[in-house]
């Protein structure tokens, strides 16, 4: 499953917790989080004016892949 995370209204920092991996995006940019569909209901997302925190479930038990806007892998979490 792919989950798109975007900086819609201006620059934003997207942080993946509990590991603390972060990406800074300019207005209009996005990244994609690829994860097992069965884990999607346990993902918690908090949004504030200049950032997004994404809390991923079950550290160490699954891979989460972060893709840039062109679909290239930029990070693998756990």
N, C-alpha and C. Protein backbone atom coordinates (compact mmCIF):
# COMPACT_ATOMS: atom_id res chain seq x y z
N UNK A 1 0.85 -1.17 0.00
CA UNK A 1 0.00 0.00 0.00
C UNK A 1 0.90 1.23 0.00
N UNK A 2 0.51 2.24 -0.74
CA UNK A 2 1.26 3.49 -0.79
C UNK A 2 0.45 4.60 -0.14
N UNK A 3 1.11 5.39 0.71
CA UNK A 3 0.50 6.51 1.40
C UNK A 3 1.27 7.77 1.03
N UNK A 4 0.62 8.70 0.35
CA UNK A 4 1.26 9.92 -0.10
C UNK A 4 1.21 10.97 1.01
N UNK A 5 2.37 11.61 1.28
CA UNK A 5 2.48 12.65 2.29
C UNK A 5 3.01 13.90 1.60
N UNK A 6 2.24 14.97 1.64
CA UNK A 6 2.57 16.16 0.84
C UNK A 6 2.69 17.42 1.67
N UNK A 7 3.51 18.34 1.16
CA UNK A 7 3.61 19.69 1.71
C UNK A 7 2.72 20.56 0.84
N UNK A 8 1.45 20.60 1.15
CA UNK A 8 0.47 21.22 0.28
C UNK A 8 0.51 22.75 0.28
N UNK A 9 0.58 23.36 1.46
CA UNK A 9 0.44 24.81 1.56
C UNK A 9 1.75 25.57 1.76
N UNK A 10 2.83 24.87 1.92
CA UNK A 10 4.11 25.51 2.16
C UNK A 10 5.12 24.47 2.59
N UNK A 11 6.33 24.89 2.91
CA UNK A 11 7.36 23.93 3.33
C UNK A 11 6.88 23.13 4.53
N UNK A 12 7.29 21.87 4.58
CA UNK A 12 6.89 21.00 5.69
C UNK A 12 8.00 20.00 5.99
N UNK A 13 8.07 19.62 7.24
CA UNK A 13 9.00 18.58 7.68
C UNK A 13 8.16 17.35 8.01
N UNK A 14 8.51 16.22 7.40
CA UNK A 14 7.82 14.97 7.66
C UNK A 14 8.77 14.08 8.45
N UNK A 15 8.34 13.69 9.64
CA UNK A 15 9.17 12.90 10.53
C UNK A 15 8.51 11.55 10.78
N UNK A 16 9.28 10.49 10.63
CA UNK A 16 8.80 9.14 10.90
C UNK A 16 9.29 8.73 12.27
N UNK A 17 8.35 8.42 13.15
CA UNK A 17 8.65 8.04 14.52
C UNK A 17 8.33 6.56 14.71
N UNK A 18 8.94 5.90 15.64
CA UNK A 18 9.80 6.42 16.68
C UNK A 18 11.26 6.57 16.28
N UNK A 19 11.63 6.28 15.04
CA UNK A 19 13.03 6.34 14.64
C UNK A 19 13.59 7.73 14.45
N UNK A 20 12.75 8.71 14.13
CA UNK A 20 13.21 10.08 13.97
C UNK A 20 13.72 10.44 12.59
N UNK A 21 13.55 9.56 11.59
CA UNK A 21 13.97 9.89 10.22
C UNK A 21 13.08 11.00 9.70
N UNK A 22 13.69 12.06 9.14
CA UNK A 22 12.91 13.22 8.71
C UNK A 22 13.29 13.67 7.31
N UNK A 23 12.33 14.26 6.64
CA UNK A 23 12.50 14.83 5.31
C UNK A 23 11.88 16.21 5.30
N UNK A 24 12.55 17.15 4.66
CA UNK A 24 12.01 18.50 4.51
C UNK A 24 11.57 18.68 3.06
N UNK A 25 10.31 19.07 2.90
CA UNK A 25 9.74 19.23 1.56
C UNK A 25 9.38 20.68 1.31
N UNK A 26 9.54 21.10 0.08
CA UNK A 26 9.09 22.43 -0.34
C UNK A 26 7.60 22.35 -0.68
N UNK A 27 6.97 23.49 -0.77
CA UNK A 27 5.54 23.54 -1.11
C UNK A 27 5.28 22.76 -2.40
N UNK A 28 4.29 21.91 -2.37
CA UNK A 28 3.91 21.13 -3.55
C UNK A 28 4.66 19.82 -3.70
N UNK A 29 5.73 19.59 -2.93
CA UNK A 29 6.48 18.33 -3.02
C UNK A 29 5.78 17.26 -2.18
N UNK A 30 6.09 16.00 -2.49
CA UNK A 30 5.54 14.91 -1.70
C UNK A 30 6.51 13.74 -1.67
N UNK A 31 6.31 12.88 -0.68
CA UNK A 31 6.99 11.59 -0.61
C UNK A 31 5.90 10.54 -0.42
N UNK A 32 6.27 9.30 -0.64
CA UNK A 32 5.32 8.21 -0.51
C UNK A 32 5.86 7.20 0.49
N UNK A 33 5.01 6.77 1.39
CA UNK A 33 5.35 5.71 2.34
C UNK A 33 4.73 4.42 1.82
N UNK A 34 5.54 3.42 1.59
CA UNK A 34 5.06 2.11 1.13
C UNK A 34 5.10 1.16 2.32
N UNK A 35 3.97 0.53 2.61
CA UNK A 35 3.90 -0.38 3.75
C UNK A 35 2.92 -1.50 3.48
N UNK A 36 3.00 -2.53 4.29
CA UNK A 36 2.08 -3.65 4.22
C UNK A 36 0.67 -3.13 4.51
N UNK A 37 -0.32 -3.42 3.66
CA UNK A 37 -1.67 -2.90 3.88
C UNK A 37 -2.26 -3.29 5.23
N UNK A 38 -1.86 -4.42 5.77
CA UNK A 38 -2.38 -4.84 7.06
C UNK A 38 -1.92 -3.97 8.22
N UNK A 39 -0.85 -3.22 8.02
CA UNK A 39 -0.34 -2.33 9.06
C UNK A 39 -0.93 -0.92 9.00
N UNK A 40 -1.55 -0.59 7.88
CA UNK A 40 -2.07 0.78 7.68
C UNK A 40 -3.00 1.26 8.80
N UNK A 41 -3.91 0.43 9.32
CA UNK A 41 -4.79 0.93 10.38
C UNK A 41 -4.05 1.33 11.66
N UNK A 42 -2.84 0.83 11.86
CA UNK A 42 -2.09 1.15 13.07
C UNK A 42 -1.17 2.36 12.92
N UNK A 43 -1.06 2.91 11.71
CA UNK A 43 -0.22 4.10 11.49
C UNK A 43 -0.96 5.32 12.06
N UNK A 44 -0.25 6.12 12.82
CA UNK A 44 -0.83 7.34 13.38
C UNK A 44 -0.16 8.54 12.71
N UNK A 45 -0.98 9.48 12.25
CA UNK A 45 -0.46 10.67 11.57
C UNK A 45 -0.95 11.91 12.31
N UNK A 46 -0.01 12.78 12.67
CA UNK A 46 -0.34 14.05 13.30
C UNK A 46 0.13 15.16 12.36
N UNK A 47 -0.74 16.12 12.11
CA UNK A 47 -0.44 17.21 11.19
C UNK A 47 -0.50 18.53 11.96
N UNK A 48 0.48 19.40 11.74
CA UNK A 48 0.46 20.74 12.28
C UNK A 48 0.82 21.71 11.17
N UNK A 49 0.93 22.97 11.45
CA UNK A 49 1.06 23.99 10.39
C UNK A 49 2.29 23.82 9.50
N UNK A 50 3.39 23.29 10.01
CA UNK A 50 4.57 23.16 9.16
C UNK A 50 5.20 21.76 9.23
N UNK A 51 4.40 20.77 9.55
CA UNK A 51 4.97 19.44 9.61
C UNK A 51 3.97 18.32 9.78
N UNK A 52 4.48 17.12 9.62
CA UNK A 52 3.68 15.90 9.76
C UNK A 52 4.52 14.89 10.53
N UNK A 53 3.94 14.29 11.56
CA UNK A 53 4.59 13.19 12.26
C UNK A 53 3.85 11.91 11.89
N UNK A 54 4.60 10.91 11.49
CA UNK A 54 4.03 9.62 11.12
C UNK A 54 4.57 8.59 12.09
N UNK A 55 3.72 8.04 12.95
CA UNK A 55 4.12 7.03 13.93
C UNK A 55 3.85 5.66 13.33
N UNK A 56 4.92 4.91 13.13
CA UNK A 56 4.83 3.59 12.50
C UNK A 56 4.73 2.50 13.56
N UNK A 57 3.87 1.51 13.33
CA UNK A 57 3.72 0.43 14.29
C UNK A 57 4.79 -0.65 14.14
N UNK A 58 4.98 -1.40 15.18
CA UNK A 58 5.80 -2.61 15.16
C UNK A 58 7.22 -2.41 14.64
N UNK A 59 8.02 -1.56 15.29
CA UNK A 59 9.40 -1.40 14.83
C UNK A 59 10.14 -2.73 14.82
N UNK A 60 10.89 -2.94 13.76
CA UNK A 60 11.70 -4.15 13.63
C UNK A 60 10.97 -5.34 13.05
N UNK A 61 9.65 -5.25 12.92
CA UNK A 61 8.89 -6.39 12.41
C UNK A 61 8.50 -6.25 10.95
N UNK A 62 8.69 -5.09 10.37
CA UNK A 62 8.28 -4.87 8.99
C UNK A 62 9.16 -3.78 8.39
N UNK A 63 9.30 -3.82 7.07
CA UNK A 63 10.00 -2.75 6.37
C UNK A 63 9.00 -1.70 5.92
N UNK A 64 9.40 -0.46 6.05
CA UNK A 64 8.64 0.67 5.53
C UNK A 64 9.57 1.34 4.54
N UNK A 65 9.10 1.59 3.34
CA UNK A 65 9.94 2.17 2.29
C UNK A 65 9.43 3.58 1.99
N UNK A 66 10.35 4.53 1.94
CA UNK A 66 10.02 5.91 1.59
C UNK A 66 10.52 6.15 0.17
N UNK A 67 9.61 6.65 -0.67
CA UNK A 67 9.91 6.92 -2.08
C UNK A 67 9.81 8.42 -2.34
N UNK A 68 10.66 8.92 -3.24
CA UNK A 68 10.53 10.32 -3.63
C UNK A 68 9.39 10.46 -4.64
N UNK A 69 9.18 11.67 -5.13
CA UNK A 69 8.05 11.93 -6.03
C UNK A 69 8.17 11.23 -7.38
N UNK A 70 9.36 10.71 -7.69
CA UNK A 70 9.54 9.98 -8.94
C UNK A 70 9.56 8.47 -8.73
N UNK A 71 9.24 8.04 -7.49
CA UNK A 71 9.15 6.63 -7.20
C UNK A 71 10.46 5.94 -6.85
N UNK A 72 11.52 6.72 -6.63
CA UNK A 72 12.81 6.15 -6.24
C UNK A 72 12.88 5.98 -4.74
N UNK A 73 13.44 4.87 -4.29
CA UNK A 73 13.59 4.63 -2.87
C UNK A 73 14.63 5.59 -2.28
N UNK A 74 14.24 6.30 -1.22
CA UNK A 74 15.16 7.21 -0.56
C UNK A 74 15.48 6.78 0.87
N UNK A 75 14.67 5.88 1.42
CA UNK A 75 14.93 5.38 2.77
C UNK A 75 14.16 4.09 2.98
N UNK A 76 14.74 3.27 3.83
CA UNK A 76 14.07 2.04 4.29
C UNK A 76 14.11 2.10 5.81
N UNK A 77 12.94 2.10 6.41
CA UNK A 77 12.83 2.23 7.86
C UNK A 77 12.58 0.85 8.45
N UNK A 78 13.44 0.43 9.36
CA UNK A 78 13.45 -0.88 10.02
C UNK A 78 13.72 -1.93 9.02
